[in-house]
Amino acid sequence: MLNMNFLRVTAIAVAAAFALTSCATTGNNGEPQTALDRSVNQCVASVVIGAIAGALVGAAAGGKNGVGKGALIGTGGGLVVCAVILAVNNEQDRAHIQQAQAQAVRNGTYQESYVGSDNQPRFIKASFGPQAGPMNSKTTVSSPDGGVFTGPCRPLNTDISIPGKGTSQLSDYYCQTSMGNWQIWPNGTPV
């Protein structure tokens, strides 16, 4: 039978996941999710899974007294994996990342360094890759500029580094639209 500490820890982890997920998706206004949006959601899931797995291991190893410690260790492990992504999930950093990506789409590559609101330096490098191949001609997906995606598509890779926390890599695809613009492909890899 599950003990009360395990149930409390699980409830807290799930509530935190929902709170973080709502923060991560606020402000999209129906626009496609970027790689950063998807990474934040994956980080939230890894923190919750880490907490639950830690609680289970703690319960197995130390009985009732090990549940809380195990959950804290598991949560900490999830947070370490996601340190860079969670650190840049704010308005200022998102603006810098979007600017770097927009410059890379126009010019091929773009690099920038700046100090974040937490007084830690950040380094961003965005590279717009070569054409990834033709788009499926039967695909008709509306684009944010009012047209439809017609292709070709190219990968946009963004490296974000924070000294002491690590580096995270984001990958999006941009495809040409019937309006002639390069727009982010909604939610992942083009079909």
Protein backbone atom coordinates (compact mmCIF):
# COMPACT_ATOMS: atom_id res chain seq x y z
CA MET A 1 0.00 0.00 0.00
CA LEU A 2 1.27 3.50 -0.83
CA ASN A 3 2.08 5.65 2.16
CA MET A 4 0.91 9.24 2.72
CA ASN A 5 4.36 10.79 2.18
CA PHE A 6 4.60 9.23 -1.29
CA LEU A 7 1.13 10.50 -2.16
CA ARG A 8 1.97 14.01 -0.92
CA VAL A 9 5.24 14.12 -2.87
CA THR A 10 3.52 12.86 -6.02
CA ALA A 11 0.71 15.41 -5.66
CA ILE A 12 3.22 18.25 -5.19
CA ALA A 13 5.26 17.13 -8.21
CA VAL A 14 2.17 16.90 -10.43
CA ALA A 15 0.92 20.31 -9.27
CA ALA A 16 4.35 21.84 -9.95
CA ALA A 17 4.41 20.26 -13.40
CA PHE A 18 1.04 21.75 -14.28
CA ALA A 19 2.11 25.16 -12.97
CA LEU A 20 5.37 25.11 -14.94
CA THR A 21 3.68 23.81 -18.08
CA SER A 22 1.13 26.61 -17.99
CA CYS A 23 3.93 29.16 -17.63
CA ALA A 24 5.84 27.55 -20.49
CA THR A 25 2.93 27.73 -22.92
CA THR A 26 1.48 31.12 -21.95
CA GLY A 27 1.83 33.74 -24.66
CA ASN A 28 1.92 31.44 -27.71
CA ASN A 29 -1.38 32.91 -28.97
CA GLY A 30 -1.97 29.92 -31.21
CA GLU A 31 1.45 30.19 -32.86
CA PRO A 32 3.53 27.04 -33.51
CA GLN A 33 5.52 25.68 -30.59
CA THR A 34 9.22 26.35 -30.92
CA ALA A 35 11.97 23.96 -29.90
CA LEU A 36 12.36 25.99 -26.69
CA ASP A 37 8.65 25.52 -25.89
CA ARG A 38 8.92 21.78 -26.51
CA SER A 39 12.13 21.57 -24.44
CA VAL A 40 10.50 23.31 -21.48
CA ASN A 41 7.61 20.85 -21.59
CA GLN A 42 10.06 17.93 -21.77
CA CYS A 43 12.01 19.35 -18.82
CA VAL A 44 8.85 19.61 -16.75
CA ALA A 45 8.12 15.98 -17.53
CA SER A 46 11.68 14.91 -16.61
CA VAL A 47 11.45 16.73 -13.26
CA VAL A 48 8.14 15.03 -12.45
CA ILE A 49 9.40 11.62 -13.56
CA GLY A 50 12.60 12.16 -11.55
CA ALA A 51 10.59 13.01 -8.44
CA ILE A 52 8.34 9.97 -8.77
CA ALA A 53 11.22 7.61 -9.58
CA GLY A 54 13.25 9.03 -6.69
CA ALA A 55 10.32 8.56 -4.30
CA LEU A 56 9.88 4.96 -5.42
CA VAL A 57 13.59 4.19 -5.03
CA GLY A 58 13.63 5.98 -1.67
CA ALA A 59 10.63 3.96 -0.49
CA ALA A 60 12.25 0.71 -1.62
CA ALA A 61 15.58 1.54 0.02
CA GLY A 62 14.52 3.34 3.16
CA GLY A 63 10.84 2.64 3.71
CA LYS A 64 8.59 5.51 4.71
CA ASN A 65 11.52 7.72 5.69
CA GLY A 66 13.21 7.40 2.28
CA VAL A 67 10.29 8.64 0.15
CA GLY A 68 10.84 12.35 0.72
CA LYS A 69 14.62 12.18 0.35
CA GLY A 70 14.31 10.07 -2.79
CA ALA A 71 11.80 12.49 -4.32
CA LEU A 72 14.08 15.45 -3.59
CA ILE A 73 17.08 13.69 -5.14
CA GLY A 74 15.04 12.70 -8.21
CA THR A 75 13.68 16.23 -8.60
CA GLY A 76 17.20 17.64 -8.29
CA GLY A 77 18.43 15.27 -10.98
CA GLY A 78 15.65 16.39 -13.32
CA LEU A 79 16.46 20.06 -12.66
CA VAL A 80 20.18 19.57 -13.39
CA VAL A 81 19.37 18.03 -16.78
CA CYS A 82 17.17 21.02 -17.62
CA ALA A 83 19.21 23.81 -16.00
CA VAL A 84 19.90 25.79 -19.19
CA ILE A 85 16.40 25.42 -20.64
CA LEU A 86 14.72 26.47 -17.40
CA ALA A 87 17.18 29.36 -16.95
CA VAL A 88 16.30 30.85 -20.37
CA ASN A 89 12.53 30.39 -20.03
CA ASN A 90 11.81 34.07 -19.43
CA GLU A 91 10.81 37.03 -21.56
CA GLN A 92 14.29 38.60 -21.87
CA ASP A 93 16.08 35.40 -22.89
CA ARG A 94 13.28 34.37 -25.27
CA ALA A 95 13.59 37.75 -27.00
CA HIS A 96 17.37 37.26 -27.43
CA ILE A 97 16.86 33.71 -28.75
CA GLN A 98 14.18 34.85 -31.21
CA GLN A 99 16.40 37.71 -32.41
CA ALA A 100 19.36 35.35 -32.92
CA GLN A 101 17.17 32.91 -34.83
CA ALA A 102 15.66 35.64 -37.02
CA GLN A 103 19.15 36.95 -37.85
CA ALA A 104 20.33 33.42 -38.72
CA VAL A 105 17.36 32.91 -41.05
CA ARG A 106 18.32 36.15 -42.84
CA ASN A 107 22.12 35.79 -42.79
CA GLY A 108 22.94 32.08 -42.35
CA THR A 109 24.48 32.36 -38.87
CA TYR A 110 24.34 34.66 -35.89
CA GLN A 111 26.17 34.77 -32.54
CA GLU A 112 25.45 36.86 -29.50
CA SER A 113 26.56 37.08 -25.89
CA TYR A 114 24.82 39.04 -23.16
CA VAL A 115 24.18 38.98 -19.42
CA GLY A 116 20.83 37.57 -18.30
CA SER A 117 18.57 38.98 -15.61
CA ASP A 118 20.24 36.55 -13.16
CA ASN A 119 23.61 38.28 -13.86
CA GLN A 120 25.00 35.17 -15.60
CA PRO A 121 26.46 35.40 -19.10
CA ARG A 122 24.71 33.68 -21.99
CA PHE A 123 26.09 32.72 -25.39
CA ILE A 124 23.77 32.05 -28.31
CA LYS A 125 24.78 30.72 -31.70
CA ALA A 126 22.14 30.08 -34.36
CA SER A 127 22.86 28.45 -37.73
CA PHE A 128 20.47 28.11 -40.66
CA GLY A 129 21.33 24.83 -42.36
CA PRO A 130 21.14 23.71 -45.98
CA GLN A 131 17.90 22.60 -47.57
CA ALA A 132 16.62 19.48 -45.83
CA GLY A 133 14.71 18.14 -48.82
CA PRO A 134 11.50 18.81 -50.67
CA MET A 135 8.23 19.07 -48.81
CA ASN A 136 5.53 16.49 -49.38
CA SER A 137 3.40 18.05 -52.15
CA LYS A 138 0.21 16.72 -50.54
CA THR A 139 0.89 18.65 -47.32
CA THR A 140 -1.27 21.74 -46.97
CA VAL A 141 -0.56 23.45 -43.67
CA SER A 142 -1.44 27.09 -43.11
CA SER A 143 1.49 29.32 -42.25
CA PRO A 144 1.55 32.23 -39.78
CA ASP A 145 1.95 34.73 -42.66
CA GLY A 146 -1.45 33.84 -44.15
CA GLY A 147 -0.20 31.48 -46.84
CA VAL A 148 0.53 27.78 -46.84
CA PHE A 149 3.84 26.01 -46.46
CA THR A 150 5.20 25.06 -49.88
CA GLY A 151 8.87 24.31 -49.09
CA PRO A 152 11.77 23.88 -49.28
CA CYS A 153 12.57 23.44 -45.57
CA ARG A 154 15.83 24.07 -43.72
CA PRO A 155 16.93 23.28 -40.16
CA LEU A 156 17.68 26.09 -37.71
CA ASN A 157 20.02 24.94 -34.93
CA THR A 158 20.49 27.09 -31.86
CA ASP A 159 23.10 26.49 -29.14
CA ILE A 160 22.55 28.26 -25.82
CA SER A 161 25.36 28.18 -23.26
CA ILE A 162 25.43 29.37 -19.67
CA PRO A 163 28.81 28.89 -17.96
CA GLY A 164 28.44 26.61 -14.96
CA LYS A 165 25.09 25.24 -16.14
CA GLY A 166 25.95 23.80 -19.54
CA THR A 167 24.80 24.02 -23.14
CA SER A 168 21.45 23.22 -24.64
CA GLN A 169 20.76 22.66 -28.33
CA LEU A 170 17.46 23.53 -29.94
CA SER A 171 16.41 22.45 -33.44
CA ASP A 172 13.57 23.95 -35.43
CA TYR A 173 12.67 23.73 -39.10
CA TYR A 174 11.80 26.73 -41.24
CA CYS A 175 9.97 26.27 -44.52
CA GLN A 176 9.13 28.68 -47.31
CA THR A 177 5.52 29.66 -47.68
CA SER A 178 3.39 30.56 -50.66
CA MET A 179 3.98 34.19 -49.60
CA GLY A 180 7.77 33.72 -50.12
CA ASN A 181 8.68 33.97 -46.41
CA TRP A 182 10.60 31.55 -44.21
CA GLN A 183 8.35 30.57 -41.29
CA ILE A 184 8.82 28.12 -38.46
CA TRP A 185 7.25 24.74 -39.20
CA PRO A 186 4.64 24.00 -36.53
CA ASN A 187 5.74 21.63 -33.78
CA GLY A 188 8.72 19.71 -35.01
CA THR A 189 9.88 18.13 -38.25
CA PRO A 190 8.10 18.81 -41.57
CA VAL A 191 6.03 15.91 -42.88
